[in-house]
């Protein structure tokens, strides 16, 4: 096969380059050594290095390519050495990262503490469970229904109580109190409304339940409050209850913005949606309860 035919495949090109490099090295060693063939392989290697640096060599020629190939081999060797050297260190680093991920995932998987009653500061306090009942006394339901059967919510009033907090702020809320032994939730709601507002009411519907925790006199208390809607029966507002600072009738369309606590505001929105139907029922039954 001729030399021109050997350039068709990549493997043959690599063989030719290696052959040319060897020939160039041999020619360089012959020129440097004056044709002496008895020198040791080290001298040949040195002469080959010198011949690779001769100005007569073509840029990018075989000698330089051989040097570059050697550099690549050296880099490859360094890469292998660094890879083997870092294999244990890399594993340790990866293990450390995995450990950190595991520990962080454990924290993330931990259940969140619900609220302040589980704080470490109060974790050793005794726990008490309390149940209360109360709600909204509603006046003017039937009167709010027009001739077209539409309901004007601004004519419906509810009774709220106001208490001063430790900062001296007047906080408005729904009347409520403890459920006594052998007392139903409805009976408690009617009694507490009368004691705290001075007006008598009759339960017409359940509104909803809320619960919360607080600390009082070294005891953690879990309190559940059942709220109801009550129809006004009779009586006049008074603030004779020592725990109540002020009592007031309030238009129901201002109820949400007046209540101090978010959970009661949520119940107030539910009541606001249901009141038109209750008002029509009261008007149909002829139960007029003026404020």
C-alpha atoms as a PDB file:
ATOM      1  CA  UNK A   1       0.000   0.000   0.000  1.00  0.00           C
ATOM      2  CA  UNK A   2       1.388   3.464  -0.919  1.00  0.00           C
ATOM      3  CA  UNK A   3       1.954   6.260   1.582  1.00  0.00           C
ATOM      4  CA  UNK A   4      -0.940   8.332   0.203  1.00  0.00           C
ATOM      5  CA  UNK A   5      -3.359   5.494   0.860  1.00  0.00           C
ATOM      6  CA  UNK A   6      -2.351   5.252   4.480  1.00  0.00           C
ATOM      7  CA  UNK A   7      -3.854   8.714   5.278  1.00  0.00           C
ATOM      8  CA  UNK A   8      -7.425   7.597   4.757  1.00  0.00           C
ATOM      9  CA  UNK A   9      -8.028   6.316   8.322  1.00  0.00           C
ATOM     10  CA  UNK A  10      -7.430   7.969  11.687  1.00  0.00           C
ATOM     11  CA  UNK A  11      -5.471   5.036  13.147  1.00  0.00           C
ATOM     12  CA  UNK A  12      -3.033   5.141  10.205  1.00  0.00           C
ATOM     13  CA  UNK A  13      -2.523   8.885  10.712  1.00  0.00           C
ATOM     14  CA  UNK A  14      -1.583   8.281  14.310  1.00  0.00           C
ATOM     15  CA  UNK A  15       0.882   5.568  13.264  1.00  0.00           C
ATOM     16  CA  UNK A  16       2.404   7.893  10.705  1.00  0.00           C
ATOM     17  CA  UNK A  17       2.811  10.684  13.264  1.00  0.00           C
ATOM     18  CA  UNK A  18       4.509   8.364  15.661  1.00  0.00           C
ATOM     19  CA  UNK A  19       6.766   7.149  12.830  1.00  0.00           C
ATOM     20  CA  UNK A  20       7.616  10.722  11.789  1.00  0.00           C
ATOM     21  CA  UNK A  21       8.328  11.677  15.347  1.00  0.00           C
ATOM     22  CA  UNK A  22      10.687   8.774  15.697  1.00  0.00           C
ATOM     23  CA  UNK A  23      12.345   9.651  12.396  1.00  0.00           C
ATOM     24  CA  UNK A  24      12.666  13.283  13.472  1.00  0.00           C
ATOM     25  CA  UNK A  25      14.129  12.195  16.757  1.00  0.00           C
ATOM     26  CA  UNK A  26      16.578   9.914  14.971  1.00  0.00           C
ATOM     27  CA  UNK A  27      17.591  12.665  12.533  1.00  0.00           C
ATOM     28  CA  UNK A  28      18.011  15.141  15.385  1.00  0.00           C
ATOM     29  CA  UNK A  29      20.125  12.719  17.349  1.00  0.00           C
ATOM     30  CA  UNK A  30      22.270  12.006  14.293  1.00  0.00           C
ATOM     31  CA  UNK A  31      22.812  15.728  13.698  1.00  0.00           C
ATOM     32  CA  UNK A  32      23.647  16.424  17.323  1.00  0.00           C
ATOM     33  CA  UNK A  33      25.816  13.357  17.913  1.00  0.00           C
ATOM     34  CA  UNK A  34      27.657  13.463  14.551  1.00  0.00           C
ATOM     35  CA  UNK A  35      26.362  10.051  13.516  1.00  0.00           C
ATOM     36  CA  UNK A  36      27.443   8.305  16.714  1.00  0.00           C
ATOM     37  CA  UNK A  37      25.153   5.387  17.396  1.00  0.00           C
ATOM     38  CA  UNK A  38      26.813   4.205  20.610  1.00  0.00           C
ATOM     39  CA  UNK A  39      25.263   6.743  22.958  1.00  0.00           C
ATOM     40  CA  UNK A  40      22.873   5.587  25.615  1.00  0.00           C
ATOM     41  CA  UNK A  41      19.057   6.056  25.393  1.00  0.00           C
ATOM     42  CA  UNK A  42      19.273   9.057  27.713  1.00  0.00           C
ATOM     43  CA  UNK A  43      21.478  10.912  25.262  1.00  0.00           C
ATOM     44  CA  UNK A  44      19.039  10.054  22.492  1.00  0.00           C
ATOM     45  CA  UNK A  45      16.187  11.464  24.517  1.00  0.00           C
ATOM     46  CA  UNK A  46      18.130  14.647  25.190  1.00  0.00           C
ATOM     47  CA  UNK A  47      18.977  15.016  21.528  1.00  0.00           C
ATOM     48  CA  UNK A  48      15.360  14.424  20.658  1.00  0.00           C
ATOM     49  CA  UNK A  49      14.358  17.248  22.982  1.00  0.00           C
ATOM     50  CA  UNK A  50      16.902  19.546  21.359  1.00  0.00           C
ATOM     51  CA  UNK A  51      15.807  18.663  17.860  1.00  0.00           C
ATOM     52  CA  UNK A  52      12.217  19.473  18.889  1.00  0.00           C
ATOM     53  CA  UNK A  53      13.329  23.034  19.666  1.00  0.00           C
ATOM     54  CA  UNK A  54      15.176  23.640  16.368  1.00  0.00           C
ATOM     55  CA  UNK A  55      13.979  26.667  14.335  1.00  0.00           C
ATOM     56  CA  UNK A  56      13.779  24.520  11.254  1.00  0.00           C
ATOM     57  CA  UNK A  57      10.850  22.511  12.609  1.00  0.00           C
ATOM     58  CA  UNK A  58       7.403  23.463  11.345  1.00  0.00           C
ATOM     59  CA  UNK A  59       5.153  25.140  13.982  1.00  0.00           C
ATOM     60  CA  UNK A  60       2.814  22.572  15.299  1.00  0.00           C
ATOM     61  CA  UNK A  61       4.974  19.810  13.882  1.00  0.00           C
ATOM     62  CA  UNK A  62       5.423  16.332  15.133  1.00  0.00           C
ATOM     63  CA  UNK A  63       8.084  17.155  17.695  1.00  0.00           C
ATOM     64  CA  UNK A  64       5.971  19.846  19.312  1.00  0.00           C
ATOM     65  CA  UNK A  65       2.922  17.675  19.057  1.00  0.00           C
ATOM     66  CA  UNK A  66       4.817  14.996  20.836  1.00  0.00           C
ATOM     67  CA  UNK A  67       5.630  17.458  23.605  1.00  0.00           C
ATOM     68  CA  UNK A  68       2.025  18.496  23.844  1.00  0.00           C
ATOM     69  CA  UNK A  69       1.038  14.890  23.938  1.00  0.00           C
ATOM     70  CA  UNK A  70       3.434  14.421  26.788  1.00  0.00           C
ATOM     71  CA  UNK A  71       1.911  17.375  28.572  1.00  0.00           C
ATOM     72  CA  UNK A  72      -1.501  15.890  28.108  1.00  0.00           C
ATOM     73  CA  UNK A  73      -0.229  12.640  29.506  1.00  0.00           C
ATOM     74  CA  UNK A  74       1.241  14.473  32.443  1.00  0.00           C
ATOM     75  CA  UNK A  75      -2.009  16.297  33.021  1.00  0.00           C
ATOM     76  CA  UNK A  76      -3.822  13.043  32.745  1.00  0.00           C
ATOM     77  CA  UNK A  77      -1.502  11.547  35.302  1.00  0.00           C
ATOM     78  CA  UNK A  78      -2.010  14.465  37.639  1.00  0.00           C
ATOM     79  CA  UNK A  79      -5.726  14.209  37.170  1.00  0.00           C
ATOM     80  CA  UNK A  80      -5.626  10.532  38.009  1.00  0.00           C
ATOM     81  CA  UNK A  81      -3.409  11.151  41.001  1.00  0.00           C
ATOM     82  CA  UNK A  82      -5.600  13.990  42.245  1.00  0.00           C
ATOM     83  CA  UNK A  83      -8.655  11.857  41.681  1.00  0.00           C
ATOM     84  CA  UNK A  84      -7.224   8.997  43.673  1.00  0.00           C
ATOM     85  CA  UNK A  85      -5.921  11.324  46.348  1.00  0.00           C
ATOM     86  CA  UNK A  86      -9.262  13.040  46.648  1.00  0.00           C
ATOM     87  CA  UNK A  87     -11.274   9.887  46.455  1.00  0.00           C
ATOM     88  CA  UNK A  88     -11.184   9.354  50.198  1.00  0.00           C
ATOM     89  CA  UNK A  89     -11.338  13.061  50.904  1.00  0.00           C
ATOM     90  CA  UNK A  90     -14.157  13.451  48.398  1.00  0.00           C
ATOM     91  CA  UNK A  91     -16.007  10.639  50.053  1.00  0.00           C
ATOM     92  CA  UNK A  92     -15.490  12.229  53.440  1.00  0.00           C
ATOM     93  CA  UNK A  93     -16.718  15.541  52.057  1.00  0.00           C
ATOM     94  CA  UNK A  94     -19.733  13.873  50.508  1.00  0.00           C
ATOM     95  CA  UNK A  95     -20.418  12.012  53.741  1.00  0.00           C
ATOM     96  CA  UNK A  96     -20.251  15.267  55.672  1.00  0.00           C
ATOM     97  CA  UNK A  97     -22.698  16.857  53.251  1.00  0.00           C
ATOM     98  CA  UNK A  98     -24.995  13.869  53.507  1.00  0.00           C
ATOM     99  CA  UNK A  99     -24.814  14.023  57.291  1.00  0.00           C
ATOM    100  CA  UNK A 100     -25.673  17.701  57.228  1.00  0.00           C
ATOM    101  CA  UNK A 101     -28.566  17.031  54.881  1.00  0.00           C
ATOM    102  CA  UNK A 102     -29.788  14.228  57.096  1.00  0.00           C
ATOM    103  CA  UNK A 103     -29.673  16.361  60.205  1.00  0.00           C
ATOM    104  CA  UNK A 104     -31.372  19.267  58.471  1.00  0.00           C
ATOM    105  CA  UNK A 105     -34.049  16.962  57.080  1.00  0.00           C
ATOM    106  CA  UNK A 106     -34.631  15.615  60.561  1.00  0.00           C
ATOM    107  CA  UNK A 107     -35.278  19.138  61.769  1.00  0.00           C
ATOM    108  CA  UNK A 108     -37.576  19.816  58.850  1.00  0.00           C
ATOM    109  CA  UNK A 109     -39.470  16.606  59.427  1.00  0.00           C
ATOM    110  CA  UNK A 110     -39.941  17.464  63.065  1.00  0.00           C
ATOM    111  CA  UNK A 111     -43.485  18.595  63.772  1.00  0.00           C
ATOM    112  CA  UNK A 112     -43.796  22.318  64.283  1.00  0.00           C
ATOM    113  CA  UNK A 113     -44.674  23.424  67.782  1.00  0.00           C
ATOM    114  CA  UNK A 114     -48.272  24.610  67.602  1.00  0.00           C
ATOM    115  CA  UNK A 115     -48.048  27.745  69.731  1.00  0.00           C
ATOM    116  CA  UNK A 116     -46.488  29.337  72.773  1.00  0.00           C
ATOM    117  CA  UNK A 117     -48.046  26.884  75.216  1.00  0.00           C
ATOM    118  CA  UNK A 118     -45.402  24.357  74.179  1.00  0.00           C
ATOM    119  CA  UNK A 119     -42.475  26.687  74.775  1.00  0.00           C
ATOM    120  CA  UNK A 120     -39.766  25.364  77.045  1.00  0.00           C
ATOM    121  CA  UNK A 121     -40.459  28.159  79.496  1.00  0.00           C
ATOM    122  CA  UNK A 122     -43.911  26.655  80.222  1.00  0.00           C
ATOM    123  CA  UNK A 123     -43.264  22.985  79.449  1.00  0.00           C
ATOM    124  CA  UNK A 124     -43.153  21.965  83.119  1.00  0.00           C
ATOM    125  CA  UNK A 125     -46.353  23.778  84.137  1.00  0.00           C
ATOM    126  CA  UNK A 126     -49.461  21.769  85.001  1.00  0.00           C
ATOM    127  CA  UNK A 127     -52.212  21.687  82.375  1.00  0.00           C
ATOM    128  CA  UNK A 128     -55.877  22.491  82.883  1.00  0.00           C
ATOM    129  CA  UNK A 129     -58.756  22.023  80.414  1.00  0.00           C
ATOM    130  CA  UNK A 130     -61.654  24.475  80.414  1.00  0.00           C
ATOM    131  CA  UNK A 131     -64.877  24.656  78.398  1.00  0.00           C
ATOM    132  CA  UNK A 132     -66.905  27.813  77.891  1.00  0.00           C
ATOM    133  CA  UNK A 133     -69.992  28.832  75.955  1.00  0.00           C
ATOM    134  CA  UNK A 134     -71.430  32.114  74.757  1.00  0.00           C
ATOM    135  CA  UNK A 135     -72.274  33.894  71.549  1.00  0.00           C
ATOM    136  CA  UNK A 136     -73.999  36.781  69.862  1.00  0.00           C
ATOM    137  CA  UNK A 137     -77.316  38.199  71.034  1.00  0.00           C
ATOM    138  CA  UNK A 138     -79.107  39.494  67.941  1.00  0.00           C
ATOM    139  CA  UNK A 139     -81.812  42.150  67.900  1.00  0.00           C
ATOM    140  CA  UNK A 140     -83.877  43.447  64.995  1.00  0.00           C
ATOM    141  CA  UNK A 141     -83.863  40.374  62.785  1.00  0.00           C
ATOM    142  CA  UNK A 142     -87.481  40.580  61.659  1.00  0.00           C
ATOM    143  CA  UNK A 143     -87.374  44.373  61.385  1.00  0.00           C
ATOM    144  CA  UNK A 144     -84.473  44.166  58.916  1.00  0.00           C
ATOM    145  CA  UNK A 145     -86.609  42.412  56.289  1.00  0.00           C
ATOM    146  CA  UNK A 146     -88.132  44.776  53.740  1.00  0.00           C
ATOM    147  CA  UNK A 147     -91.330  44.461  51.748  1.00  0.00           C
ATOM    148  CA  UNK A 148     -89.284  43.064  48.846  1.00  0.00           C
ATOM    149  CA  UNK A 149     -87.891  40.377  51.193  1.00  0.00           C
ATOM    150  CA  UNK A 150     -84.431  41.914  51.059  1.00  0.00           C
ATOM    151  CA  UNK A 151     -82.543  42.194  54.349  1.00  0.00           C
ATOM    152  CA  UNK A 152     -80.933  45.427  55.512  1.00  0.00           C
ATOM    153  CA  UNK A 153     -78.108  44.217  57.743  1.00  0.00           C
ATOM    154  CA  UNK A 154     -77.497  47.713  59.100  1.00  0.00           C
ATOM    155  CA  UNK A 155     -80.777  47.353  61.051  1.00  0.00           C
ATOM    156  CA  UNK A 156     -79.592  44.223  62.864  1.00  0.00           C
ATOM    157  CA  UNK A 157     -77.694  44.765  66.133  1.00  0.00           C
ATOM    158  CA  UNK A 158     -75.543  42.506  68.278  1.00  0.00           C
ATOM    159  CA  UNK A 159     -74.412  42.903  71.892  1.00  0.00           C
ATOM    160  CA  UNK A 160     -70.666  42.956  72.615  1.00  0.00           C
ATOM    161  CA  UNK A 161     -68.635  43.341  75.791  1.00  0.00           C
ATOM    162  CA  UNK A 162     -65.440  45.321  76.218  1.00  0.00           C
ATOM    163  CA  UNK A 163     -62.599  44.492  78.609  1.00  0.00           C
ATOM    164  CA  UNK A 164     -59.415  46.388  79.377  1.00  0.00           C
ATOM    165  CA  UNK A 165     -56.218  44.460  78.801  1.00  0.00           C
ATOM    166  CA  UNK A 166     -52.963  44.957  80.718  1.00  0.00           C
ATOM    167  CA  UNK A 167     -51.986  47.798  78.400  1.00  0.00           C
ATOM    168  CA  UNK A 168     -55.219  49.643  79.053  1.00  0.00           C
ATOM    169  CA  UNK A 169     -56.712  48.903  75.642  1.00  0.00           C
ATOM    170  CA  UNK A 170     -60.457  48.272  75.368  1.00  0.00           C
ATOM    171  CA  UNK A 171     -60.890  44.964  73.547  1.00  0.00           C
ATOM    172  CA  UNK A 172     -64.310  43.991  72.259  1.00  0.00           C
ATOM    173  CA  UNK A 173     -65.430  40.363  72.198  1.00  0.00           C
ATOM    174  CA  UNK A 174     -68.450  38.088  72.369  1.00  0.00           C
ATOM    175  CA  UNK A 175     -69.850  37.351  75.844  1.00  0.00           C
ATOM    176  CA  UNK A 176     -69.001  33.890  77.162  1.00  0.00           C
ATOM    177  CA  UNK A 177     -68.223  31.971  80.350  1.00  0.00           C
ATOM    178  CA  UNK A 178     -67.483  28.608  81.950  1.00  0.00           C
ATOM    179  CA  UNK A 179     -69.817  25.670  81.523  1.00  0.00           C
ATOM    180  CA  UNK A 180     -70.932  24.630  84.987  1.00  0.00           C
ATOM    181  CA  UNK A 181     -71.284  20.964  86.012  1.00  0.00           C
ATOM    182  CA  UNK A 182     -74.475  19.361  84.685  1.00  0.00           C
ATOM    183  CA  UNK A 183     -75.126  22.416  82.487  1.00  0.00           C
ATOM    184  CA  UNK A 184     -75.651  22.248  78.729  1.00  0.00           C
ATOM    185  CA  UNK A 185     -73.763  24.491  76.352  1.00  0.00           C
ATOM    186  CA  UNK A 186     -76.967  26.276  75.321  1.00  0.00           C
ATOM    187  CA  UNK A 187     -77.918  26.922  78.934  1.00  0.00           C
ATOM    188  CA  UNK A 188     -74.427  28.259  79.647  1.00  0.00           C
ATOM    189  CA  UNK A 189     -74.562  30.573  76.636  1.00  0.00           C
ATOM    190  CA  UNK A 190     -77.894  32.040  77.707  1.00  0.00           C
ATOM    191  CA  UNK A 191     -76.771  32.444  81.327  1.00  0.00           C
ATOM    192  CA  UNK A 192     -73.416  34.032  80.502  1.00  0.00           C
ATOM    193  CA  UNK A 193     -74.953  36.444  78.015  1.00  0.00           C
ATOM    194  CA  UNK A 194     -77.404  37.609  80.661  1.00  0.00           C
ATOM    195  CA  UNK A 195     -74.700  37.917  83.366  1.00  0.00           C
ATOM    196  CA  UNK A 196     -72.262  39.870  81.201  1.00  0.00           C
ATOM    197  CA  UNK A 197     -74.617  42.056  79.152  1.00  0.00           C
ATOM    198  CA  UNK A 198     -77.815  42.303  81.201  1.00  0.00           C
ATOM    199  CA  UNK A 199     -80.048  41.093  78.360  1.00  0.00           C
ATOM    200  CA  UNK A 200     -81.803  37.753  77.981  1.00  0.00           C
ATOM    201  CA  UNK A 201     -81.420  35.700  74.825  1.00  0.00           C
ATOM    202  CA  UNK A 202     -82.548  32.375  73.423  1.00  0.00           C
ATOM    203  CA  UNK A 203     -80.263  30.150  71.343  1.00  0.00           C
ATOM    204  CA  UNK A 204     -81.476  29.773  67.747  1.00  0.00           C
ATOM    205  CA  UNK A 205     -78.357  28.244  66.123  1.00  0.00           C
ATOM    206  CA  UNK A 206     -74.829  27.071  66.773  1.00  0.00           C
ATOM    207  CA  UNK A 207     -72.170  29.356  65.317  1.00  0.00           C
ATOM    208  CA  UNK A 208     -68.836  27.590  65.789  1.00  0.00           C
ATOM    209  CA  UNK A 209     -66.096  26.511  68.176  1.00  0.00           C
ATOM    210  CA  UNK A 210     -62.665  27.969  68.834  1.00  0.00           C
ATOM    211  CA  UNK A 211     -59.879  26.866  71.162  1.00  0.00           C
ATOM    212  CA  UNK A 212     -56.699  28.468  72.435  1.00  0.00           C
ATOM    213  CA  UNK A 213     -54.020  28.167  75.111  1.00  0.00           C
ATOM    214  CA  UNK A 214     -52.874  30.632  77.734  1.00  0.00           C
ATOM    215  CA  UNK A 215     -51.009  30.675  81.042  1.00  0.00           C
ATOM    216  CA  UNK A 216     -52.665  31.896  84.228  1.00  0.00           C
ATOM    217  CA  UNK A 217     -51.291  31.695  87.783  1.00  0.00           C
ATOM    218  CA  UNK A 218     -48.672  29.121  86.846  1.00  0.00           C
ATOM    219  CA  UNK A 219     -51.052  26.842  84.942  1.00  0.00           C
ATOM    220  CA  UNK A 220     -51.256  26.186  81.210  1.00  0.00           C
ATOM    221  CA  UNK A 221     -54.922  26.300  80.232  1.00  0.00           C
ATOM    222  CA  UNK A 222     -56.432  24.808  77.097  1.00  0.00           C
ATOM    223  CA  UNK A 223     -59.749  26.539  76.598  1.00  0.00           C
ATOM    224  CA  UNK A 224     -62.528  25.556  74.194  1.00  0.00           C
ATOM    225  CA  UNK A 225     -65.365  28.010  73.577  1.00  0.00           C
ATOM    226  CA  UNK A 226     -68.655  27.092  71.895  1.00  0.00           C
ATOM    227  CA  UNK A 227     -70.378  30.064  70.259  1.00  0.00           C
ATOM    228  CA  UNK A 228     -74.065  30.387  69.417  1.00  0.00           C
ATOM    229  CA  UNK A 229     -76.517  32.809  67.859  1.00  0.00           C
ATOM    230  CA  UNK A 230     -79.172  34.005  70.313  1.00  0.00           C
ATOM    231  CA  UNK A 231     -82.433  35.796  69.662  1.00  0.00           C
ATOM    232  CA  UNK A 232     -82.952  38.841  71.888  1.00  0.00           C
ATOM    233  CA  UNK A 233     -85.841  38.288  74.335  1.00  0.00           C
ATOM    234  CA  UNK A 234     -85.817  41.193  76.783  1.00  0.00           C
ATOM    235  CA  UNK A 235     -83.691  43.228  79.174  1.00  0.00           C
ATOM    236  CA  UNK A 236     -81.433  46.259  79.020  1.00  0.00           C
ATOM    237  CA  UNK A 237     -77.667  46.478  78.721  1.00  0.00           C
ATOM    238  CA  UNK A 238     -75.649  46.943  81.905  1.00  0.00           C
ATOM    239  CA  UNK A 239     -72.030  46.494  82.941  1.00  0.00           C
ATOM    240  CA  UNK A 240     -72.568  45.238  86.473  1.00  0.00           C
ATOM    241  CA  UNK A 241     -70.247  42.296  85.883  1.00  0.00           C
ATOM    242  CA  UNK A 242     -66.902  43.289  87.477  1.00  0.00           C
ATOM    243  CA  UNK A 243     -64.993  41.567  84.660  1.00  0.00           C
ATOM    244  CA  UNK A 244     -66.698  43.694  81.999  1.00  0.00           C
ATOM    245  CA  UNK A 245     -65.684  47.296  81.371  1.00  0.00           C
ATOM    246  CA  UNK A 246     -68.309  48.279  78.813  1.00  0.00           C
ATOM    247  CA  UNK A 247     -71.320  46.815  76.991  1.00  0.00           C
ATOM    248  CA  UNK A 248     -72.729  48.054  73.706  1.00  0.00           C
ATOM    249  CA  UNK A 249     -75.132  47.316  70.884  1.00  0.00           C
ATOM    250  CA  UNK A 250     -73.361  47.367  67.541  1.00  0.00           C
ATOM    251  CA  UNK A 251     -74.698  47.220  63.956  1.00  0.00           C
ATOM    252  CA  UNK A 252     -73.857  43.790  62.605  1.00  0.00           C
ATOM    253  CA  UNK A 253     -72.217  45.259  59.501  1.00  0.00           C
ATOM    254  CA  UNK A 254     -69.554  46.754  61.817  1.00  0.00           C
ATOM    255  CA  UNK A 255     -69.042  43.578  63.817  1.00  0.00           C
ATOM    256  CA  UNK A 256     -65.996  42.177  62.030  1.00  0.00           C
ATOM    257  CA  UNK A 257     -63.950  45.354  62.298  1.00  0.00           C
ATOM    258  CA  UNK A 258     -64.826  45.866  65.971  1.00  0.00           C
ATOM    259  CA  UNK A 259     -63.912  42.420  67.318  1.00  0.00           C
ATOM    260  CA  UNK A 260     -60.386  42.253  68.727  1.00  0.00           C
ATOM    261  CA  UNK A 261     -59.629  38.566  68.157  1.00  0.00           C
ATOM    262  CA  UNK A 262     -59.097  36.917  64.774  1.00  0.00           C
ATOM    263  CA  UNK A 263     -60.899  33.682  65.634  1.00  0.00           C
ATOM    264  CA  UNK A 264     -64.021  35.588  66.675  1.00  0.00           C
ATOM    265  CA  UNK A 265     -63.823  37.688  63.508  1.00  0.00           C
ATOM    266  CA  UNK A 266     -63.871  34.454  61.521  1.00  0.00           C
ATOM    267  CA  UNK A 267     -67.059  33.392  63.306  1.00  0.00           C
ATOM    268  CA  UNK A 268     -68.544  36.842  62.762  1.00  0.00           C
ATOM    269  CA  UNK A 269     -68.067  36.501  58.998  1.00  0.00           C
ATOM    270  CA  UNK A 270     -69.905  33.187  59.110  1.00  0.00           C
ATOM    271  CA  UNK A 271     -72.747  34.778  61.066  1.00  0.00           C
ATOM    272  CA  UNK A 272     -72.880  37.677  58.601  1.00  0.00           C
ATOM    273  CA  UNK A 273     -73.548  35.224  55.759  1.00  0.00           C
ATOM    274  CA  UNK A 274     -76.259  33.341  57.649  1.00  0.00           C
ATOM    275  CA  UNK A 275     -78.169  36.240  59.186  1.00  0.00           C
ATOM    276  CA  UNK A 276     -80.324  37.113  56.134  1.00  0.00           C
ATOM    277  CA  UNK A 277     -81.921  33.653  56.202  1.00  0.00           C
ATOM    278  CA  UNK A 278     -82.519  33.850  59.959  1.00  0.00           C
ATOM    279  CA  UNK A 279     -84.019  37.311  59.544  1.00  0.00           C
ATOM    280  CA  UNK A 280     -86.516  36.069  56.947  1.00  0.00           C
ATOM    281  CA  UNK A 281     -87.477  33.157  59.200  1.00  0.00           C
ATOM    282  CA  UNK A 282     -88.071  35.528  62.130  1.00  0.00           C
ATOM    283  CA  UNK A 283     -90.151  37.866  59.972  1.00  0.00           C
ATOM    284  CA  UNK A 284     -92.198  34.986  58.601  1.00  0.00           C
ATOM    285  CA  UNK A 285     -92.879  33.760  62.153  1.00  0.00           C
ATOM    286  CA  UNK A 286     -93.758  37.293  63.292  1.00  0.00           C
ATOM    287  CA  UNK A 287     -91.099  37.382  66.017  1.00  0.00           C
ATOM    288  CA  UNK A 288     -90.237  41.055  66.185  1.00  0.00           C
ATOM    289  CA  UNK A 289     -87.566  41.862  68.704  1.00  0.00           C
ATOM    290  CA  UNK A 290     -86.858  45.585  68.747  1.00  0.00           C
ATOM    291  CA  UNK A 291     -83.605  46.736  70.212  1.00  0.00           C
END
